[in-house]
Amino acid sequence: MEPRRVALKPHTSKIRRWVNEGRSDEWIAKELNTTPSSVQSFRSRNSIYRRDPVRRGEISEHKVVLDENETGLVLMTEAAESEVFRRAWKDYLRRPPGDLQLVVTQERIYVEKVR
């Protein structure tokens, strides 16, 4: 079957999940019977970005409770108990943190060290 132009908006959550799983634009295009360039364009317009495994290293997911106090929002988690977190952030746990970047997507919140 020849790839065609399809509306990708109804597939946004699937595309986000597939991108988070590391699927290529080619793979996603084949699943949705469209072109890789359409998928790439859609991802760009909808801020759906691939994780860079070199930049982000291992991923460690943790439940978070979002709380509000007088100074703003607080993310409460038990992430520091994770071995992956301890290895990746051990220098930051010993001294005040350097520059950090908070990346908020529709499905996740990432905290990254800024290089």
PDB file of N, CA and C in Angstrom:
ATOM      1  N   MET A   1       0.841  -1.184   0.000  1.00  0.00           N
ATOM      2  CA  MET A   1       0.000   0.000   0.000  1.00  0.00           C
ATOM      3  C   MET A   1       0.885   1.247   0.000  1.00  0.00           C
ATOM      4  N   GLU A   2       0.618   2.165  -0.859  1.00  0.00           N
ATOM      5  CA  GLU A   2       1.391   3.392  -1.012  1.00  0.00           C
ATOM      6  C   GLU A   2       1.118   4.341   0.161  1.00  0.00           C
ATOM      7  N   PRO A   3       2.193   4.906   0.791  1.00  0.00           N
ATOM      8  CA  PRO A   3       1.969   5.886   1.870  1.00  0.00           C
ATOM      9  C   PRO A   3       1.179   7.076   1.350  1.00  0.00           C
ATOM     10  N   ARG A   4       0.366   7.643   2.199  1.00  0.00           N
ATOM     11  CA  ARG A   4      -0.464   8.772   1.791  1.00  0.00           C
ATOM     12  C   ARG A   4      -0.477   9.811   2.905  1.00  0.00           C
ATOM     13  N   ARG A   5      -1.073  10.932   2.629  1.00  0.00           N
ATOM     14  CA  ARG A   5      -1.251  11.976   3.630  1.00  0.00           C
ATOM     15  C   ARG A   5      -2.393  11.567   4.547  1.00  0.00           C
ATOM     16  N   VAL A   6      -2.111  11.433   5.814  1.00  0.00           N
ATOM     17  CA  VAL A   6      -3.159  11.106   6.777  1.00  0.00           C
ATOM     18  C   VAL A   6      -3.141  12.142   7.897  1.00  0.00           C
ATOM     19  N   ALA A   7      -4.284  12.316   8.514  1.00  0.00           N
ATOM     20  CA  ALA A   7      -4.368  13.213   9.664  1.00  0.00           C
ATOM     21  C   ALA A   7      -3.676  12.538  10.849  1.00  0.00           C
ATOM     22  N   LEU A   8      -2.630  13.149  11.360  1.00  0.00           N
ATOM     23  CA  LEU A   8      -1.866  12.548  12.459  1.00  0.00           C
ATOM     24  C   LEU A   8      -2.366  12.985  13.835  1.00  0.00           C
ATOM     25  N   LYS A   9      -3.113  14.076  13.898  1.00  0.00           N
ATOM     26  CA  LYS A   9      -3.603  14.595  15.184  1.00  0.00           C
ATOM     27  C   LYS A   9      -4.332  13.531  16.007  1.00  0.00           C
ATOM     28  N   PRO A  10      -5.199  12.703  15.414  1.00  0.00           N
ATOM     29  CA  PRO A  10      -5.878  11.676  16.218  1.00  0.00           C
ATOM     30  C   PRO A  10      -4.916  10.630  16.799  1.00  0.00           C
ATOM     31  N   HIS A  11      -3.692  10.595  16.289  1.00  0.00           N
ATOM     32  CA  HIS A  11      -2.709   9.601  16.734  1.00  0.00           C
ATOM     33  C   HIS A  11      -1.644  10.209  17.647  1.00  0.00           C
ATOM     34  N   THR A  12      -1.878  11.424  18.143  1.00  0.00           N
ATOM     35  CA  THR A  12      -0.868  12.133  18.930  1.00  0.00           C
ATOM     36  C   THR A  12      -0.360  11.318  20.107  1.00  0.00           C
ATOM     37  N   SER A  13      -1.248  10.738  20.898  1.00  0.00           N
ATOM     38  CA  SER A  13      -0.791   9.997  22.084  1.00  0.00           C
ATOM     39  C   SER A  13       0.024   8.768  21.690  1.00  0.00           C
ATOM     40  N   LYS A  14      -0.378   8.095  20.621  1.00  0.00           N
ATOM     41  CA  LYS A  14       0.396   6.946  20.144  1.00  0.00           C
ATOM     42  C   LYS A  14       1.774   7.390  19.669  1.00  0.00           C
ATOM     43  N   ILE A  15       1.820   8.483  18.925  1.00  0.00           N
ATOM     44  CA  ILE A  15       3.097   8.986  18.407  1.00  0.00           C
ATOM     45  C   ILE A  15       4.021   9.361  19.566  1.00  0.00           C
ATOM     46  N   ARG A  16       3.471  10.054  20.580  1.00  0.00           N
ATOM     47  CA  ARG A  16       4.283  10.393  21.768  1.00  0.00           C
ATOM     48  C   ARG A  16       4.841   9.133  22.415  1.00  0.00           C
ATOM     49  N   ARG A  17       3.997   8.140  22.586  1.00  0.00           N
ATOM     50  CA  ARG A  17       4.434   6.883  23.223  1.00  0.00           C
ATOM     51  C   ARG A  17       5.509   6.209  22.386  1.00  0.00           C
ATOM     52  N   TRP A  18       5.301   6.132  21.081  1.00  0.00           N
ATOM     53  CA  TRP A  18       6.276   5.476  20.207  1.00  0.00           C
ATOM     54  C   TRP A  18       7.606   6.219  20.206  1.00  0.00           C
ATOM     55  N   VAL A  19       7.561   7.554  20.202  1.00  0.00           N
ATOM     56  CA  VAL A  19       8.790   8.339  20.252  1.00  0.00           C
ATOM     57  C   VAL A  19       9.507   8.081  21.573  1.00  0.00           C
ATOM     58  N   ASN A  20       8.768   8.055  22.685  1.00  0.00           N
ATOM     59  CA  ASN A  20       9.367   7.764  23.988  1.00  0.00           C
ATOM     60  C   ASN A  20       9.966   6.361  24.035  1.00  0.00           C
ATOM     61  N   GLU A  21       9.405   5.443  23.267  1.00  0.00           N
ATOM     62  CA  GLU A  21       9.930   4.075  23.193  1.00  0.00           C
ATOM     63  C   GLU A  21      11.135   3.988  22.257  1.00  0.00           C
ATOM     64  N   GLY A  22      11.428   5.080  21.542  1.00  0.00           N
ATOM     65  CA  GLY A  22      12.585   5.102  20.653  1.00  0.00           C
ATOM     66  C   GLY A  22      12.290   4.677  19.217  1.00  0.00           C
ATOM     67  N   ARG A  23      11.021   4.590  18.852  1.00  0.00           N
ATOM     68  CA  ARG A  23      10.671   4.213  17.465  1.00  0.00           C
ATOM     69  C   ARG A  23      11.098   5.312  16.496  1.00  0.00           C
ATOM     70  N   SER A  24      11.536   4.920  15.324  1.00  0.00           N
ATOM     71  CA  SER A  24      11.980   5.883  14.306  1.00  0.00           C
ATOM     72  C   SER A  24      10.780   6.479  13.572  1.00  0.00           C
ATOM     73  N   ASP A  25      11.025   7.595  12.883  1.00  0.00           N
ATOM     74  CA  ASP A  25       9.976   8.202  12.062  1.00  0.00           C
ATOM     75  C   ASP A  25       9.542   7.236  10.966  1.00  0.00           C
ATOM     76  N   GLU A  26      10.499   6.480  10.447  1.00  0.00           N
ATOM     77  CA  GLU A  26      10.178   5.493   9.411  1.00  0.00           C
ATOM     78  C   GLU A  26       9.221   4.427   9.943  1.00  0.00           C
ATOM     79  N   TRP A  27       9.500   3.940  11.164  1.00  0.00           N
ATOM     80  CA  TRP A  27       8.664   2.907  11.771  1.00  0.00           C
ATOM     81  C   TRP A  27       7.257   3.453  12.011  1.00  0.00           C
ATOM     82  N   ILE A  28       7.179   4.660  12.578  1.00  0.00           N
ATOM     83  CA  ILE A  28       5.877   5.287  12.867  1.00  0.00           C
ATOM     84  C   ILE A  28       5.108   5.515  11.573  1.00  0.00           C
ATOM     85  N   ALA A  29       5.803   5.999  10.532  1.00  0.00           N
ATOM     86  CA  ALA A  29       5.159   6.254   9.237  1.00  0.00           C
ATOM     87  C   ALA A  29       4.571   4.962   8.673  1.00  0.00           C
ATOM     88  N   LYS A  30       5.302   3.885   8.785  1.00  0.00           N
ATOM     89  CA  LYS A  30       4.801   2.602   8.275  1.00  0.00           C
ATOM     90  C   LYS A  30       3.549   2.160   9.036  1.00  0.00           C
ATOM     91  N   GLU A  31       3.562   2.338  10.358  1.00  0.00           N
ATOM     92  CA  GLU A  31       2.398   1.976  11.181  1.00  0.00           C
ATOM     93  C   GLU A  31       1.157   2.777  10.797  1.00  0.00           C
ATOM     94  N   LEU A  32       1.369   4.047  10.456  1.00  0.00           N
ATOM     95  CA  LEU A  32       0.241   4.953  10.174  1.00  0.00           C
ATOM     96  C   LEU A  32      -0.004   5.152   8.686  1.00  0.00           C
ATOM     97  N   ASN A  33       0.748   4.419   7.849  1.00  0.00           N
ATOM     98  CA  ASN A  33       0.606   4.498   6.398  1.00  0.00           C
ATOM     99  C   ASN A  33       0.753   5.929   5.882  1.00  0.00           C
ATOM    100  N   THR A  34       1.867   6.551   6.298  1.00  0.00           N
ATOM    101  CA  THR A  34       2.176   7.892   5.835  1.00  0.00           C
ATOM    102  C   THR A  34       3.676   7.971   5.556  1.00  0.00           C
ATOM    103  N   THR A  35       4.201   9.158   5.381  1.00  0.00           N
ATOM    104  CA  THR A  35       5.621   9.301   5.070  1.00  0.00           C
ATOM    105  C   THR A  35       6.415   9.706   6.321  1.00  0.00           C
ATOM    106  N   PRO A  36       7.690   9.325   6.384  1.00  0.00           N
ATOM    107  CA  PRO A  36       8.528   9.742   7.510  1.00  0.00           C
ATOM    108  C   PRO A  36       8.625  11.258   7.637  1.00  0.00           C
ATOM    109  N   SER A  37       8.639  11.973   6.519  1.00  0.00           N
ATOM    110  CA  SER A  37       8.722  13.433   6.597  1.00  0.00           C
ATOM    111  C   SER A  37       7.451  14.029   7.217  1.00  0.00           C
ATOM    112  N   SER A  38       6.298  13.412   6.961  1.00  0.00           N
ATOM    113  CA  SER A  38       5.051  13.870   7.601  1.00  0.00           C
ATOM    114  C   SER A  38       5.118  13.668   9.108  1.00  0.00           C
ATOM    115  N   VAL A  39       5.665  12.530   9.527  1.00  0.00           N
ATOM    116  CA  VAL A  39       5.787  12.241  10.961  1.00  0.00           C
ATOM    117  C   VAL A  39       6.744  13.239  11.600  1.00  0.00           C
ATOM    118  N   GLN A  40       7.896  13.476  10.976  1.00  0.00           N
ATOM    119  CA  GLN A  40       8.887  14.398  11.524  1.00  0.00           C
ATOM    120  C   GLN A  40       8.297  15.803  11.634  1.00  0.00           C
ATOM    121  N   SER A  41       7.602  16.220  10.624  1.00  0.00           N
ATOM    122  CA  SER A  41       6.975  17.535  10.606  1.00  0.00           C
ATOM    123  C   SER A  41       5.928  17.657  11.718  1.00  0.00           C
ATOM    124  N   PHE A  42       5.118  16.617  11.874  1.00  0.00           N
ATOM    125  CA  PHE A  42       4.091  16.599  12.922  1.00  0.00           C
ATOM    126  C   PHE A  42       4.738  16.667  14.308  1.00  0.00           C
ATOM    127  N   ARG A  43       5.805  15.883  14.506  1.00  0.00           N
ATOM    128  CA  ARG A  43       6.495  15.897  15.804  1.00  0.00           C
ATOM    129  C   ARG A  43       7.023  17.288  16.113  1.00  0.00           C
ATOM    130  N   SER A  44       7.604  17.939  15.118  1.00  0.00           N
ATOM    131  CA  SER A  44       8.156  19.270  15.305  1.00  0.00           C
ATOM    132  C   SER A  44       7.071  20.281  15.664  1.00  0.00           C
ATOM    133  N   ARG A  45       5.961  20.265  14.934  1.00  0.00           N
ATOM    134  CA  ARG A  45       4.856  21.198  15.196  1.00  0.00           C
ATOM    135  C   ARG A  45       4.218  20.977  16.560  1.00  0.00           C
ATOM    136  N   ASN A  46       4.291  19.741  17.072  1.00  0.00           N
ATOM    137  CA  ASN A  46       3.629  19.415  18.336  1.00  0.00           C
ATOM    138  C   ASN A  46       4.613  19.193  19.486  1.00  0.00           C
ATOM    139  N   SER A  47       5.851  19.634  19.305  1.00  0.00           N
ATOM    140  CA  SER A  47       6.885  19.543  20.353  1.00  0.00           C
ATOM    141  C   SER A  47       7.045  18.124  20.893  1.00  0.00           C
ATOM    142  N   ILE A  48       7.092  17.171  19.993  1.00  0.00           N
ATOM    143  CA  ILE A  48       7.320  15.780  20.375  1.00  0.00           C
ATOM    144  C   ILE A  48       8.758  15.455  19.994  1.00  0.00           C
ATOM    145  N   TYR A  49       9.628  15.437  20.996  1.00  0.00           N
ATOM    146  CA  TYR A  49      11.050  15.275  20.733  1.00  0.00           C
ATOM    147  C   TYR A  49      11.563  13.938  21.247  1.00  0.00           C
ATOM    148  N   ARG A  50      12.595  13.462  20.609  1.00  0.00           N
ATOM    149  CA  ARG A  50      13.244  12.221  21.029  1.00  0.00           C
ATOM    150  C   ARG A  50      14.190  12.501  22.180  1.00  0.00           C
ATOM    151  N   ARG A  51      14.267  11.573  23.107  1.00  0.00           N
ATOM    152  CA  ARG A  51      15.269  11.667  24.158  1.00  0.00           C
ATOM    153  C   ARG A  51      16.623  11.374  23.543  1.00  0.00           C
ATOM    154  N   ASP A  52      17.596  12.132  23.923  1.00  0.00           N
ATOM    155  CA  ASP A  52      18.961  11.892  23.476  1.00  0.00           C
ATOM    156  C   ASP A  52      19.632  11.029  24.537  1.00  0.00           C
ATOM    157  N   PRO A  53      19.836   9.727  24.272  1.00  0.00           N
ATOM    158  CA  PRO A  53      20.376   8.845  25.303  1.00  0.00           C
ATOM    159  C   PRO A  53      21.774   9.234  25.762  1.00  0.00           C
ATOM    160  N   VAL A  54      22.537   9.930  24.928  1.00  0.00           N
ATOM    161  CA  VAL A  54      23.866  10.361  25.353  1.00  0.00           C
ATOM    162  C   VAL A  54      23.725  11.501  26.347  1.00  0.00           C
ATOM    163  N   ARG A  55      22.838  12.428  26.034  1.00  0.00           N
ATOM    164  CA  ARG A  55      22.655  13.593  26.887  1.00  0.00           C
ATOM    165  C   ARG A  55      21.902  13.247  28.160  1.00  0.00           C
ATOM    166  N   ARG A  56      20.951  12.377  28.063  1.00  0.00           N
ATOM    167  CA  ARG A  56      20.108  12.104  29.223  1.00  0.00           C
ATOM    168  C   ARG A  56      20.520  10.862  30.002  1.00  0.00           C
ATOM    169  N   GLY A  57      21.335  10.019  29.433  1.00  0.00           N
ATOM    170  CA  GLY A  57      21.773   8.842  30.166  1.00  0.00           C
ATOM    171  C   GLY A  57      20.626   7.898  30.475  1.00  0.00           C
ATOM    172  N   GLU A  58      20.775   7.167  31.564  1.00  0.00           N
ATOM    173  CA  GLU A  58      19.736   6.220  31.949  1.00  0.00           C
ATOM    174  C   GLU A  58      18.508   6.974  32.436  1.00  0.00           C
ATOM    175  N   ILE A  59      17.379   6.385  32.195  1.00  0.00           N
ATOM    176  CA  ILE A  59      16.123   6.983  32.638  1.00  0.00           C
ATOM    177  C   ILE A  59      15.644   6.235  33.874  1.00  0.00           C
ATOM    178  N   SER A  60      15.182   6.974  34.823  1.00  0.00           N
ATOM    179  CA  SER A  60      14.645   6.399  36.049  1.00  0.00           C
ATOM    180  C   SER A  60      13.309   7.093  36.301  1.00  0.00           C
ATOM    181  N   GLU A  61      12.223   6.348  36.280  1.00  0.00           N
ATOM    182  CA  GLU A  61      10.900   6.952  36.451  1.00  0.00           C
ATOM    183  C   GLU A  61      10.417   6.783  37.885  1.00  0.00           C
ATOM    184  N   HIS A  62       9.805   7.827  38.406  1.00  0.00           N
ATOM    185  CA  HIS A  62       9.324   7.816  39.787  1.00  0.00           C
ATOM    186  C   HIS A  62       8.007   8.562  39.881  1.00  0.00           C
ATOM    187  N   LYS A  63       7.144   8.067  40.724  1.00  0.00           N
ATOM    188  CA  LYS A  63       5.889   8.780  40.965  1.00  0.00           C
ATOM    189  C   LYS A  63       6.210  10.082  41.673  1.00  0.00           C
ATOM    190  N   VAL A  64       5.423  11.102  41.344  1.00  0.00           N
ATOM    191  CA  VAL A  64       5.641  12.431  41.914  1.00  0.00           C
ATOM    192  C   VAL A  64       4.311  12.981  42.388  1.00  0.00           C
ATOM    193  N   VAL A  65       4.344  13.625  43.542  1.00  0.00           N
ATOM    194  CA  VAL A  65       3.176  14.331  44.046  1.00  0.00           C
ATOM    195  C   VAL A  65       3.456  15.812  43.862  1.00  0.00           C
ATOM    196  N   LEU A  66       2.568  16.487  43.182  1.00  0.00           N
ATOM    197  CA  LEU A  66       2.708  17.914  42.939  1.00  0.00           C
ATOM    198  C   LEU A  66       2.013  18.655  44.069  1.00  0.00           C
ATOM    199  N   ASP A  67       2.761  19.492  44.765  1.00  0.00           N
ATOM    200  CA  ASP A  67       2.223  20.215  45.911  1.00  0.00           C
ATOM    201  C   ASP A  67       2.480  21.706  45.698  1.00  0.00           C
ATOM    202  N   GLU A  68       1.683  22.526  46.319  1.00  0.00           N
ATOM    203  CA  GLU A  68       1.857  23.967  46.205  1.00  0.00           C
ATOM    204  C   GLU A  68       2.122  24.533  47.585  1.00  0.00           C
ATOM    205  N   ASN A  69       3.115  25.409  47.666  1.00  0.00           N
ATOM    206  CA  ASN A  69       3.352  26.106  48.923  1.00  0.00           C
ATOM    207  C   ASN A  69       3.443  27.596  48.654  1.00  0.00           C
ATOM    208  N   GLU A  70       3.859  28.379  49.656  1.00  0.00           N
ATOM    209  CA  GLU A  70       3.869  29.838  49.495  1.00  0.00           C
ATOM    210  C   GLU A  70       4.865  30.330  48.434  1.00  0.00           C
ATOM    211  N   THR A  71       5.868  29.521  48.105  1.00  0.00           N
ATOM    212  CA  THR A  71       6.857  29.965  47.119  1.00  0.00           C
ATOM    213  C   THR A  71       6.611  29.421  45.720  1.00  0.00           C
ATOM    214  N   GLY A  72       5.709  28.472  45.567  1.00  0.00           N
ATOM    215  CA  GLY A  72       5.426  27.929  44.244  1.00  0.00           C
ATOM    216  C   GLY A  72       5.062  26.458  44.293  1.00  0.00           C
ATOM    217  N   LEU A  73       5.397  25.742  43.242  1.00  0.00           N
ATOM    218  CA  LEU A  73       5.091  24.317  43.147  1.00  0.00           C
ATOM    219  C   LEU A  73       6.267  23.488  43.633  1.00  0.00           C
ATOM    220  N   VAL A  74       5.952  22.378  44.291  1.00  0.00           N
ATOM    221  CA  VAL A  74       6.970  21.468  44.796  1.00  0.00           C
ATOM    222  C   VAL A  74       6.672  20.082  44.246  1.00  0.00           C
ATOM    223  N   LEU A  75       7.712  19.435  43.683  1.00  0.00           N
ATOM    224  CA  LEU A  75       7.589  18.059  43.214  1.00  0.00           C
ATOM    225  C   LEU A  75       8.136  17.161  44.306  1.00  0.00           C
ATOM    226  N   MET A  76       7.275  16.367  44.910  1.00  0.00           N
ATOM    227  CA  MET A  76       7.705  15.475  45.985  1.00  0.00           C
ATOM    228  C   MET A  76       7.797  14.055  45.434  1.00  0.00           C
ATOM    229  N   THR A  77       8.982  13.431  45.611  1.00  0.00           N
ATOM    230  CA  THR A  77       9.215  12.107  45.071  1.00  0.00           C
ATOM    231  C   THR A  77      10.225  11.362  45.932  1.00  0.00           C
ATOM    232  N   GLU A  78      10.289  10.066  45.724  1.00  0.00           N
ATOM    233  CA  GLU A  78      11.284   9.245  46.414  1.00  0.00           C
ATOM    234  C   GLU A  78      12.401   8.866  45.438  1.00  0.00           C
ATOM    235  N   ALA A  79      12.628   9.695  44.426  1.00  0.00           N
ATOM    236  CA  ALA A  79      13.620   9.399  43.387  1.00  0.00           C
ATOM    237  C   ALA A  79      15.014   9.183  43.956  1.00  0.00           C
ATOM    238  N   ALA A  80      15.374   9.901  45.009  1.00  0.00           N
ATOM    239  CA  ALA A  80      16.723   9.792  45.570  1.00  0.00           C
ATOM    240  C   ALA A  80      17.011   8.389  46.095  1.00  0.00           C
ATOM    241  N   GLU A  81      15.987   7.586  46.297  1.00  0.00           N
ATOM    242  CA  GLU A  81      16.185   6.213  46.761  1.00  0.00           C
ATOM    243  C   GLU A  81      16.520   5.255  45.621  1.00  0.00           C
ATOM    244  N   SER A  82      16.436   5.728  44.376  1.00  0.00           N
ATOM    245  CA  SER A  82      16.710   4.904  43.206  1.00  0.00           C
ATOM    246  C   SER A  82      18.216   4.823  42.945  1.00  0.00           C
ATOM    247  N   GLU A  83      18.714   3.639  42.648  1.00  0.00           N
ATOM    248  CA  GLU A  83      20.131   3.453  42.335  1.00  0.00           C
ATOM    249  C   GLU A  83      20.524   4.237  41.086  1.00  0.00           C
ATOM    250  N   VAL A  84      19.673   4.243  40.065  1.00  0.00           N
ATOM    251  CA  VAL A  84      19.962   5.002  38.844  1.00  0.00           C
ATOM    252  C   VAL A  84      20.088   6.484  39.179  1.00  0.00           C
ATOM    253  N   PHE A  85      19.180   6.991  39.982  1.00  0.00           N
ATOM    254  CA  PHE A  85      19.217   8.398  40.374  1.00  0.00           C
ATOM    255  C   PHE A  85      20.482   8.701  41.161  1.00  0.00           C
ATOM    256  N   ARG A  86      20.810   7.851  42.121  1.00  0.00           N
ATOM    257  CA  ARG A  86      22.003   8.095  42.942  1.00  0.00           C
ATOM    258  C   ARG A  86      23.271   8.129  42.094  1.00  0.00           C
ATOM    259  N   ARG A  87      23.397   7.200  41.131  1.00  0.00           N
ATOM    260  CA  ARG A  87      24.593   7.189  40.267  1.00  0.00           C
ATOM    261  C   ARG A  87      24.650   8.442  39.399  1.00  0.00           C
ATOM    262  N   ALA A  88      23.527   8.783  38.786  1.00  0.00           N
ATOM    263  CA  ALA A  88      23.510   9.890  37.826  1.00  0.00           C
ATOM    264  C   ALA A  88      23.614  11.254  38.506  1.00  0.00           C
ATOM    265  N   TRP A  89      23.144  11.364  39.729  1.00  0.00           N
ATOM    266  CA  TRP A  89      23.061  12.662  40.389  1.00  0.00           C
ATOM    267  C   TRP A  89      23.941  12.764  41.632  1.00  0.00           C
ATOM    268  N   LYS A  90      24.852  11.811  41.855  1.00  0.00           N
ATOM    269  CA  LYS A  90      25.620  11.792  43.110  1.00  0.00           C
ATOM    270  C   LYS A  90      26.392  13.095  43.354  1.00  0.00           C
ATOM    271  N   ASP A  91      26.972  13.675  42.312  1.00  0.00           N
ATOM    272  CA  ASP A  91      27.694  14.936  42.500  1.00  0.00           C
ATOM    273  C   ASP A  91      26.750  16.061  42.892  1.00  0.00           C
ATOM    274  N   TYR A  92      25.550  16.041  42.349  1.00  0.00           N
ATOM    275  CA  TYR A  92      24.574  17.077  42.668  1.00  0.00           C
ATOM    276  C   TYR A  92      24.024  16.908  44.079  1.00  0.00           C
ATOM    277  N   LEU A  93      24.063  15.688  44.607  1.00  0.00           N
ATOM    278  CA  LEU A  93      23.553  15.455  45.954  1.00  0.00           C
ATOM    279  C   LEU A  93      24.561  15.901  47.017  1.00  0.00           C
ATOM    280  N   ARG A  94      25.845  16.010  46.639  1.00  0.00           N
ATOM    281  CA  ARG A  94      26.898  16.393  47.591  1.00  0.00           C
ATOM    282  C   ARG A  94      27.069  17.903  47.713  1.00  0.00           C
ATOM    283  N   ARG A  95      26.674  18.632  46.701  1.00  0.00           N
ATOM    284  CA  ARG A  95      26.874  20.085  46.703  1.00  0.00           C
ATOM    285  C   ARG A  95      25.630  20.743  46.111  1.00  0.00           C
ATOM    286  N   PRO A  96      25.501  22.045  46.276  1.00  0.00           N
ATOM    287  CA  PRO A  96      24.339  22.718  45.673  1.00  0.00           C
ATOM    288  C   PRO A  96      24.315  22.470  44.167  1.00  0.00           C
ATOM    289  N   PRO A  97      23.144  22.247  43.626  1.00  0.00           N
ATOM    290  CA  PRO A  97      23.052  21.938  42.202  1.00  0.00           C
ATOM    291  C   PRO A  97      23.525  23.083  41.319  1.00  0.00           C
ATOM    292  N   GLY A  98      24.079  22.697  40.168  1.00  0.00           N
ATOM    293  CA  GLY A  98      24.429  23.685  39.149  1.00  0.00           C
ATOM    294  C   GLY A  98      23.186  24.007  38.360  1.00  0.00           C
ATOM    295  N   ASP A  99      23.375  24.354  37.119  1.00  0.00           N
ATOM    296  CA  ASP A  99      22.230  24.687  36.281  1.00  0.00           C
ATOM    297  C   ASP A  99      21.433  23.433  35.950  1.00  0.00           C
ATOM    298  N   LEU A 100      20.157  23.499  36.181  1.00  0.00           N
ATOM    299  CA  LEU A 100      19.241  22.411  35.857  1.00  0.00           C
ATOM    300  C   LEU A 100      18.207  22.931  34.882  1.00  0.00           C
ATOM    301  N   GLN A 101      17.680  22.026  34.102  1.00  0.00           N
ATOM    302  CA  GLN A 101      16.634  22.376  33.143  1.00  0.00           C
ATOM    303  C   GLN A 101      15.447  21.462  33.416  1.00  0.00           C
ATOM    304  N   LEU A 102      14.278  22.027  33.540  1.00  0.00           N
ATOM    305  CA  LEU A 102      13.055  21.265  33.724  1.00  0.00           C
ATOM    306  C   LEU A 102      12.349  21.187  32.379  1.00  0.00           C
ATOM    307  N   VAL A 103      12.137  19.968  31.888  1.00  0.00           N
ATOM    308  CA  VAL A 103      11.471  19.753  30.610  1.00  0.00           C
ATOM    309  C   VAL A 103      10.101  19.154  30.919  1.00  0.00           C
ATOM    310  N   VAL A 104       9.059  19.854  30.524  1.00  0.00           N
ATOM    311  CA  VAL A 104       7.701  19.397  30.795  1.00  0.00           C
ATOM    312  C   VAL A 104       7.048  19.010  29.477  1.00  0.00           C
ATOM    313  N   THR A 105       6.605  17.752  29.393  1.00  0.00           N
ATOM    314  CA  THR A 105       5.846  17.308  28.231  1.00  0.00           C
ATOM    315  C   THR A 105       4.445  16.970  28.709  1.00  0.00           C
ATOM    316  N   GLN A 106       3.605  16.566  27.798  1.00  0.00           N
ATOM    317  CA  GLN A 106       2.237  16.240  28.166  1.00  0.00           C
ATOM    318  C   GLN A 106       2.187  15.046  29.118  1.00  0.00           C
ATOM    319  N   GLU A 107       3.141  14.146  29.000  1.00  0.00           N
ATOM    320  CA  GLU A 107       3.094  12.908  29.774  1.00  0.00           C
ATOM    321  C   GLU A 107       4.151  12.796  30.858  1.00  0.00           C
ATOM    322  N   ARG A 108       5.223  13.599  30.801  1.00  0.00           N
ATOM    323  CA  ARG A 108       6.324  13.433  31.737  1.00  0.00           C
ATOM    324  C   ARG A 108       6.963  14.766  32.087  1.00  0.00           C
ATOM    325  N   ILE A 109       7.702  14.752  33.183  1.00  0.00           N
ATOM    326  CA  ILE A 109       8.536  15.877  33.578  1.00  0.00           C
ATOM    327  C   ILE A 109       9.943  15.335  33.732  1.00  0.00           C
ATOM    328  N   TYR A 110      10.912  15.971  33.065  1.00  0.00           N
ATOM    329  CA  TYR A 110      12.303  15.556  33.143  1.00  0.00           C
ATOM    330  C   TYR A 110      13.101  16.650  33.826  1.00  0.00           C
ATOM    331  N   VAL A 111      14.053  16.251  34.646  1.00  0.00           N
ATOM    332  CA  VAL A 111      15.023  17.190  35.200  1.00  0.00           C
ATOM    333  C   VAL A 111      16.355  16.782  34.594  1.00  0.00           C
ATOM    334  N   GLU A 112      17.027  17.755  33.952  1.00  0.00           N
ATOM    335  CA  GLU A 112      18.293  17.481  33.281  1.00  0.00           C
ATOM    336  C   GLU A 112      19.369  18.419  33.783  1.00  0.00           C
ATOM    337  N   LYS A 113      20.601  17.930  33.786  1.00  0.00           N
ATOM    338  CA  LYS A 113      21.758  18.782  34.056  1.00  0.00           C
ATOM    339  C   LYS A 113      22.042  19.556  32.768  1.00  0.00           C
ATOM    340  N   VAL A 114      22.288  20.833  32.884  1.00  0.00           N
ATOM    341  CA  VAL A 114      22.608  21.642  31.709  1.00  0.00           C
ATOM    342  C   VAL A 114      24.111  21.614  31.537  1.00  0.00           C
ATOM    343  N   ARG A 115      24.546  21.288  30.320  1.00  0.00           N
ATOM    344  CA  ARG A 115      25.996  21.207  30.059  1.00  0.00           C
ATOM    345  C   ARG A 115      26.523  22.527  29.581  1.00  0.00           C
TER     346      ARG A 115
END
